[in-house]
Amino acid sequence: MKKSTQEEVVIYTDGASRGNPGPGGYGVILMSGQHRKELSAGYRLTTNNRMELMAVIAALEALKKKNLHVKIYTDSNYVVNAIRKGWLKDWLAKDFKGKKNKDLWLRFWELMQQHDVEFHWVKGHDHNPYNNRCDQLATYAADHQALLIDKGYEEVESRPSNISSYP
């Protein structure tokens, strides 16, 4: 991770799915100084883990500067443990053999290299107003009518293993 040379950004994220797989969404709050921004999007078919990770990706993609000190708060053990316990480095070394969500983890890894990122786990559905707001954003997005297509899930993750590629 790179040393930060810019201001600090605090990010809260959450992902949700209605069924696993099913319709899903993510919610994000970005805060820096007096600035605050909310992001969300919904997908027609995805998984909870993909939406948890997509929330972090969307947050990092929204940053306009590089080399920021970024504190990410999430209730996703999947995301936090992948970094804290070194799972992601192992998955990268083994080219994600037998692991899901390679497309998102690679996207995340590239974005994470641009900043000094800290991950903090928060208990979901507790008394944290930012986490609760992200949950509201994520669930609303999952229930919204105009859902996006999670191509990484629908075209890669959910295809039968005996099919090598799509036309």
C-alpha atoms as a PDB file:
ATOM      1  CA  MET A   1       0.000   0.000   0.000  1.00  0.00           C
ATOM      2  CA  LYS A   2       1.217   3.470  -0.790  1.00  0.00           C
ATOM      3  CA  LYS A   3       1.931   6.226   1.675  1.00  0.00           C
ATOM      4  CA  SER A   4      -0.828   8.794   1.721  1.00  0.00           C
ATOM      5  CA  THR A   5      -0.005  12.273   0.560  1.00  0.00           C
ATOM      6  CA  GLN A   6      -3.529  13.638   0.503  1.00  0.00           C
ATOM      7  CA  GLU A   7      -6.440  14.092   2.857  1.00  0.00           C
ATOM      8  CA  GLU A   8      -8.307  11.267   4.531  1.00  0.00           C
ATOM      9  CA  VAL A   9     -11.469   9.775   3.062  1.00  0.00           C
ATOM     10  CA  VAL A  10     -13.852   7.739   5.191  1.00  0.00           C
ATOM     11  CA  ILE A  11     -16.047   5.259   3.356  1.00  0.00           C
ATOM     12  CA  TYR A  12     -18.918   3.092   4.551  1.00  0.00           C
ATOM     13  CA  THR A  13     -20.168   0.293   2.310  1.00  0.00           C
ATOM     14  CA  ASP A  14     -22.807  -2.410   2.265  1.00  0.00           C
ATOM     15  CA  GLY A  15     -24.110  -4.955  -0.199  1.00  0.00           C
ATOM     16  CA  ALA A  16     -27.397  -6.831  -0.291  1.00  0.00           C
ATOM     17  CA  SER A  17     -29.135  -9.485  -2.307  1.00  0.00           C
ATOM     18  CA  ARG A  18     -32.703 -10.723  -2.343  1.00  0.00           C
ATOM     19  CA  GLY A  19     -31.894 -14.393  -2.526  1.00  0.00           C
ATOM     20  CA  ASN A  20     -28.365 -15.594  -3.049  1.00  0.00           C
ATOM     21  CA  PRO A  21     -28.267 -15.444  -6.014  1.00  0.00           C
ATOM     22  CA  GLY A  22     -31.002 -12.964  -6.740  1.00  0.00           C
ATOM     23  CA  PRO A  23     -31.513  -9.252  -7.310  1.00  0.00           C
ATOM     24  CA  GLY A  24     -28.880  -7.282  -5.429  1.00  0.00           C
ATOM     25  CA  GLY A  25     -27.543  -3.840  -4.736  1.00  0.00           C
ATOM     26  CA  TYR A  26     -24.888  -1.867  -2.976  1.00  0.00           C
ATOM     27  CA  GLY A  27     -24.787   1.331  -0.962  1.00  0.00           C
ATOM     28  CA  VAL A  28     -21.847   3.613  -0.273  1.00  0.00           C
ATOM     29  CA  ILE A  29     -21.200   6.759   1.743  1.00  0.00           C
ATOM     30  CA  LEU A  30     -18.006   8.717   1.050  1.00  0.00           C
ATOM     31  CA  MET A  31     -16.925  11.437   3.484  1.00  0.00           C
ATOM     32  CA  SER A  32     -14.008  13.836   3.324  1.00  0.00           C
ATOM     33  CA  GLY A  33     -13.975  17.001   5.407  1.00  0.00           C
ATOM     34  CA  GLN A  34     -17.370  18.648   4.942  1.00  0.00           C
ATOM     35  CA  HIS A  35     -18.086  16.662   1.777  1.00  0.00           C
ATOM     36  CA  ARG A  36     -20.430  13.679   1.748  1.00  0.00           C
ATOM     37  CA  LYS A  37     -21.624  11.621  -1.202  1.00  0.00           C
ATOM     38  CA  GLU A  38     -23.913   8.597  -1.444  1.00  0.00           C
ATOM     39  CA  LEU A  39     -23.781   5.990  -4.207  1.00  0.00           C
ATOM     40  CA  SER A  40     -25.922   2.976  -4.989  1.00  0.00           C
ATOM     41  CA  ALA A  41     -26.833   0.650  -7.832  1.00  0.00           C
ATOM     42  CA  GLY A  42     -28.913  -2.479  -8.259  1.00  0.00           C
ATOM     43  CA  TYR A  43     -28.376  -5.632 -10.303  1.00  0.00           C
ATOM     44  CA  ARG A  44     -30.921  -8.143 -11.556  1.00  0.00           C
ATOM     45  CA  LEU A  45     -28.951 -11.315 -10.672  1.00  0.00           C
ATOM     46  CA  THR A  46     -25.950 -11.410  -8.364  1.00  0.00           C
ATOM     47  CA  THR A  47     -24.795 -12.550  -4.921  1.00  0.00           C
ATOM     48  CA  ASN A  48     -24.383 -10.871  -1.575  1.00  0.00           C
ATOM     49  CA  ASN A  49     -20.578 -11.251  -1.640  1.00  0.00           C
ATOM     50  CA  ARG A  50     -20.387  -9.672  -5.093  1.00  0.00           C
ATOM     51  CA  MET A  51     -22.432  -6.697  -3.913  1.00  0.00           C
ATOM     52  CA  GLU A  52     -20.292  -6.276  -0.773  1.00  0.00           C
ATOM     53  CA  LEU A  53     -17.205  -6.164  -2.962  1.00  0.00           C
ATOM     54  CA  MET A  54     -18.855  -4.032  -5.646  1.00  0.00           C
ATOM     55  CA  ALA A  55     -19.666  -1.431  -2.999  1.00  0.00           C
ATOM     56  CA  VAL A  56     -15.977  -1.079  -2.167  1.00  0.00           C
ATOM     57  CA  ILE A  57     -15.056  -0.936  -5.859  1.00  0.00           C
ATOM     58  CA  ALA A  58     -17.661   1.748  -6.601  1.00  0.00           C
ATOM     59  CA  ALA A  59     -16.376   3.790  -3.661  1.00  0.00           C
ATOM     60  CA  LEU A  60     -12.745   3.587  -4.780  1.00  0.00           C
ATOM     61  CA  GLU A  61     -13.693   4.347  -8.386  1.00  0.00           C
ATOM     62  CA  ALA A  62     -15.497   7.489  -7.210  1.00  0.00           C
ATOM     63  CA  LEU A  63     -12.309   8.966  -5.747  1.00  0.00           C
ATOM     64  CA  LYS A  64     -10.985  11.714  -7.997  1.00  0.00           C
ATOM     65  CA  LYS A  65      -7.495  11.908  -6.494  1.00  0.00           C
ATOM     66  CA  LYS A  66      -4.802   9.276  -6.019  1.00  0.00           C
ATOM     67  CA  ASN A  67      -2.654   8.482  -2.961  1.00  0.00           C
ATOM     68  CA  LEU A  68      -5.406   9.170  -0.456  1.00  0.00           C
ATOM     69  CA  HIS A  69      -5.587   7.720   3.038  1.00  0.00           C
ATOM     70  CA  VAL A  70      -8.817   5.722   2.809  1.00  0.00           C
ATOM     71  CA  LYS A  71     -10.624   4.162   5.760  1.00  0.00           C
ATOM     72  CA  ILE A  72     -13.264   1.680   4.641  1.00  0.00           C
ATOM     73  CA  TYR A  73     -15.915   0.487   7.094  1.00  0.00           C
ATOM     74  CA  THR A  74     -17.894  -2.588   6.075  1.00  0.00           C
ATOM     75  CA  ASP A  75     -19.891  -5.345   7.719  1.00  0.00           C
ATOM     76  CA  SER A  76     -18.491  -7.864   5.218  1.00  0.00           C
ATOM     77  CA  ASN A  77     -16.133 -10.398   6.769  1.00  0.00           C
ATOM     78  CA  TYR A  78     -15.564 -11.659   3.221  1.00  0.00           C
ATOM     79  CA  VAL A  79     -13.990  -8.360   2.185  1.00  0.00           C
ATOM     80  CA  VAL A  80     -12.187  -7.563   5.451  1.00  0.00           C
ATOM     81  CA  ASN A  81     -10.716 -11.039   5.882  1.00  0.00           C
ATOM     82  CA  ALA A  82      -9.574 -11.207   2.265  1.00  0.00           C
ATOM     83  CA  ILE A  83      -7.256  -8.303   3.065  1.00  0.00           C
ATOM     84  CA  ARG A  84      -6.426  -8.735   6.747  1.00  0.00           C
ATOM     85  CA  LYS A  85      -5.815 -12.480   6.548  1.00  0.00           C
ATOM     86  CA  GLY A  86      -3.978 -12.315   3.219  1.00  0.00           C
ATOM     87  CA  TRP A  87      -6.497 -14.414   1.316  1.00  0.00           C
ATOM     88  CA  LEU A  88      -6.478 -12.052  -1.653  1.00  0.00           C
ATOM     89  CA  LYS A  89      -2.698 -12.287  -2.072  1.00  0.00           C
ATOM     90  CA  ASP A  90      -2.973 -16.082  -2.029  1.00  0.00           C
ATOM     91  CA  TRP A  91      -5.818 -15.990  -4.558  1.00  0.00           C
ATOM     92  CA  LEU A  92      -3.785 -13.700  -6.811  1.00  0.00           C
ATOM     93  CA  ALA A  93      -0.750 -15.996  -6.588  1.00  0.00           C
ATOM     94  CA  LYS A  94      -2.901 -19.004  -7.539  1.00  0.00           C
ATOM     95  CA  ASP A  95      -4.836 -17.090 -10.245  1.00  0.00           C
ATOM     96  CA  PHE A  96      -8.035 -17.576  -8.222  1.00  0.00           C
ATOM     97  CA  LYS A  97      -8.070 -21.328  -8.847  1.00  0.00           C
ATOM     98  CA  GLY A  98     -11.315 -22.595  -7.339  1.00  0.00           C
ATOM     99  CA  LYS A  99     -12.331 -19.116  -6.123  1.00  0.00           C
ATOM    100  CA  LYS A 100     -15.257 -16.976  -7.168  1.00  0.00           C
ATOM    101  CA  ASN A 101     -15.496 -13.296  -8.082  1.00  0.00           C
ATOM    102  CA  LYS A 102     -12.106 -13.091  -9.799  1.00  0.00           C
ATOM    103  CA  ASP A 103     -13.325 -10.241 -12.021  1.00  0.00           C
ATOM    104  CA  LEU A 104     -14.223  -8.055  -9.053  1.00  0.00           C
ATOM    105  CA  TRP A 105     -11.189  -8.962  -6.947  1.00  0.00           C
ATOM    106  CA  LEU A 106      -8.847  -8.017  -9.807  1.00  0.00           C
ATOM    107  CA  ARG A 107     -10.675  -4.729 -10.281  1.00  0.00           C
ATOM    108  CA  PHE A 108     -10.532  -4.077  -6.539  1.00  0.00           C
ATOM    109  CA  TRP A 109      -6.806  -4.957  -6.309  1.00  0.00           C
ATOM    110  CA  GLU A 110      -5.919  -2.478  -9.050  1.00  0.00           C
ATOM    111  CA  LEU A 111      -7.892   0.299  -7.340  1.00  0.00           C
ATOM    112  CA  MET A 112      -6.482  -0.470  -3.902  1.00  0.00           C
ATOM    113  CA  GLN A 113      -2.921   0.009  -5.185  1.00  0.00           C
ATOM    114  CA  GLN A 114      -3.696   3.676  -5.861  1.00  0.00           C
ATOM    115  CA  HIS A 115      -4.304   4.525  -2.198  1.00  0.00           C
ATOM    116  CA  ASP A 116      -3.333   3.786   1.381  1.00  0.00           C
ATOM    117  CA  VAL A 117      -6.375   1.699   2.361  1.00  0.00           C
ATOM    118  CA  GLU A 118      -7.399   0.534   5.842  1.00  0.00           C
ATOM    119  CA  PHE A 119     -10.298  -1.848   6.403  1.00  0.00           C
ATOM    120  CA  HIS A 120     -12.484  -1.780   9.490  1.00  0.00           C
ATOM    121  CA  TRP A 121     -15.217  -4.285  10.247  1.00  0.00           C
ATOM    122  CA  VAL A 122     -18.478  -2.982  11.743  1.00  0.00           C
ATOM    123  CA  LYS A 123     -21.364  -5.030  13.027  1.00  0.00           C
ATOM    124  CA  GLY A 124     -24.175  -4.940  10.486  1.00  0.00           C
ATOM    125  CA  HIS A 125     -27.710  -3.873  11.374  1.00  0.00           C
ATOM    126  CA  ASP A 126     -26.493  -2.423  14.665  1.00  0.00           C
ATOM    127  CA  HIS A 127     -26.432   1.169  15.888  1.00  0.00           C
ATOM    128  CA  ASN A 128     -24.032   2.592  13.303  1.00  0.00           C
ATOM    129  CA  PRO A 129     -26.014   5.207  11.353  1.00  0.00           C
ATOM    130  CA  TYR A 130     -23.641   5.137   8.355  1.00  0.00           C
ATOM    131  CA  ASN A 131     -23.756   1.359   8.038  1.00  0.00           C
ATOM    132  CA  ASN A 132     -27.538   1.446   8.421  1.00  0.00           C
ATOM    133  CA  ARG A 133     -27.824   4.091   5.714  1.00  0.00           C
ATOM    134  CA  CYS A 134     -25.665   1.995   3.367  1.00  0.00           C
ATOM    135  CA  ASP A 135     -27.950  -0.956   4.056  1.00  0.00           C
ATOM    136  CA  GLN A 136     -30.970   1.196   3.135  1.00  0.00           C
ATOM    137  CA  LEU A 137     -29.278   2.303  -0.084  1.00  0.00           C
ATOM    138  CA  ALA A 138     -28.314  -1.280  -0.984  1.00  0.00           C
ATOM    139  CA  THR A 139     -31.708  -2.815  -0.321  1.00  0.00           C
ATOM    140  CA  TYR A 140     -33.536  -0.007  -2.123  1.00  0.00           C
ATOM    141  CA  ALA A 141     -31.237  -0.487  -5.117  1.00  0.00           C
ATOM    142  CA  ALA A 142     -31.885  -4.251  -5.107  1.00  0.00           C
ATOM    143  CA  ASP A 143     -35.650  -3.642  -5.145  1.00  0.00           C
ATOM    144  CA  HIS A 144     -35.566  -0.909  -7.808  1.00  0.00           C
ATOM    145  CA  GLN A 145     -37.162  -1.554 -11.228  1.00  0.00           C
ATOM    146  CA  ALA A 146     -34.216  -0.572 -13.492  1.00  0.00           C
ATOM    147  CA  LEU A 147     -31.657  -3.183 -12.484  1.00  0.00           C
ATOM    148  CA  LEU A 148     -28.259  -3.459 -14.157  1.00  0.00           C
ATOM    149  CA  ILE A 149     -26.680  -6.681 -15.411  1.00  0.00           C
ATOM    150  CA  ASP A 150     -23.825  -8.116 -13.337  1.00  0.00           C
ATOM    151  CA  LYS A 151     -22.006  -9.527 -16.359  1.00  0.00           C
ATOM    152  CA  GLY A 152     -19.271 -11.045 -14.222  1.00  0.00           C
ATOM    153  CA  TYR A 153     -21.881 -13.131 -12.450  1.00  0.00           C
ATOM    154  CA  GLU A 154     -24.361 -13.851 -15.204  1.00  0.00           C
ATOM    155  CA  GLU A 155     -21.787 -14.580 -17.919  1.00  0.00           C
ATOM    156  CA  VAL A 156     -19.008 -16.184 -15.878  1.00  0.00           C
ATOM    157  CA  GLU A 157     -19.854 -17.260 -12.344  1.00  0.00           C
ATOM    158  CA  SER A 158     -23.282 -18.761 -12.963  1.00  0.00           C
ATOM    159  CA  ARG A 159     -22.609 -20.658 -16.171  1.00  0.00           C
ATOM    160  CA  PRO A 160     -22.428 -24.438 -15.931  1.00  0.00           C
ATOM    161  CA  SER A 161     -18.845 -25.650 -15.464  1.00  0.00           C
ATOM    162  CA  ASN A 162     -19.040 -27.902 -18.531  1.00  0.00           C
ATOM    163  CA  ILE A 163     -19.423 -24.873 -20.823  1.00  0.00           C
ATOM    164  CA  SER A 164     -16.037 -23.352 -21.613  1.00  0.00           C
ATOM    165  CA  SER A 165     -17.210 -20.104 -23.187  1.00  0.00           C
ATOM    166  CA  TYR A 166     -20.125 -18.240 -24.627  1.00  0.00           C
ATOM    167  CA  PRO A 167     -20.323 -17.283 -28.300  1.00  0.00           C
END
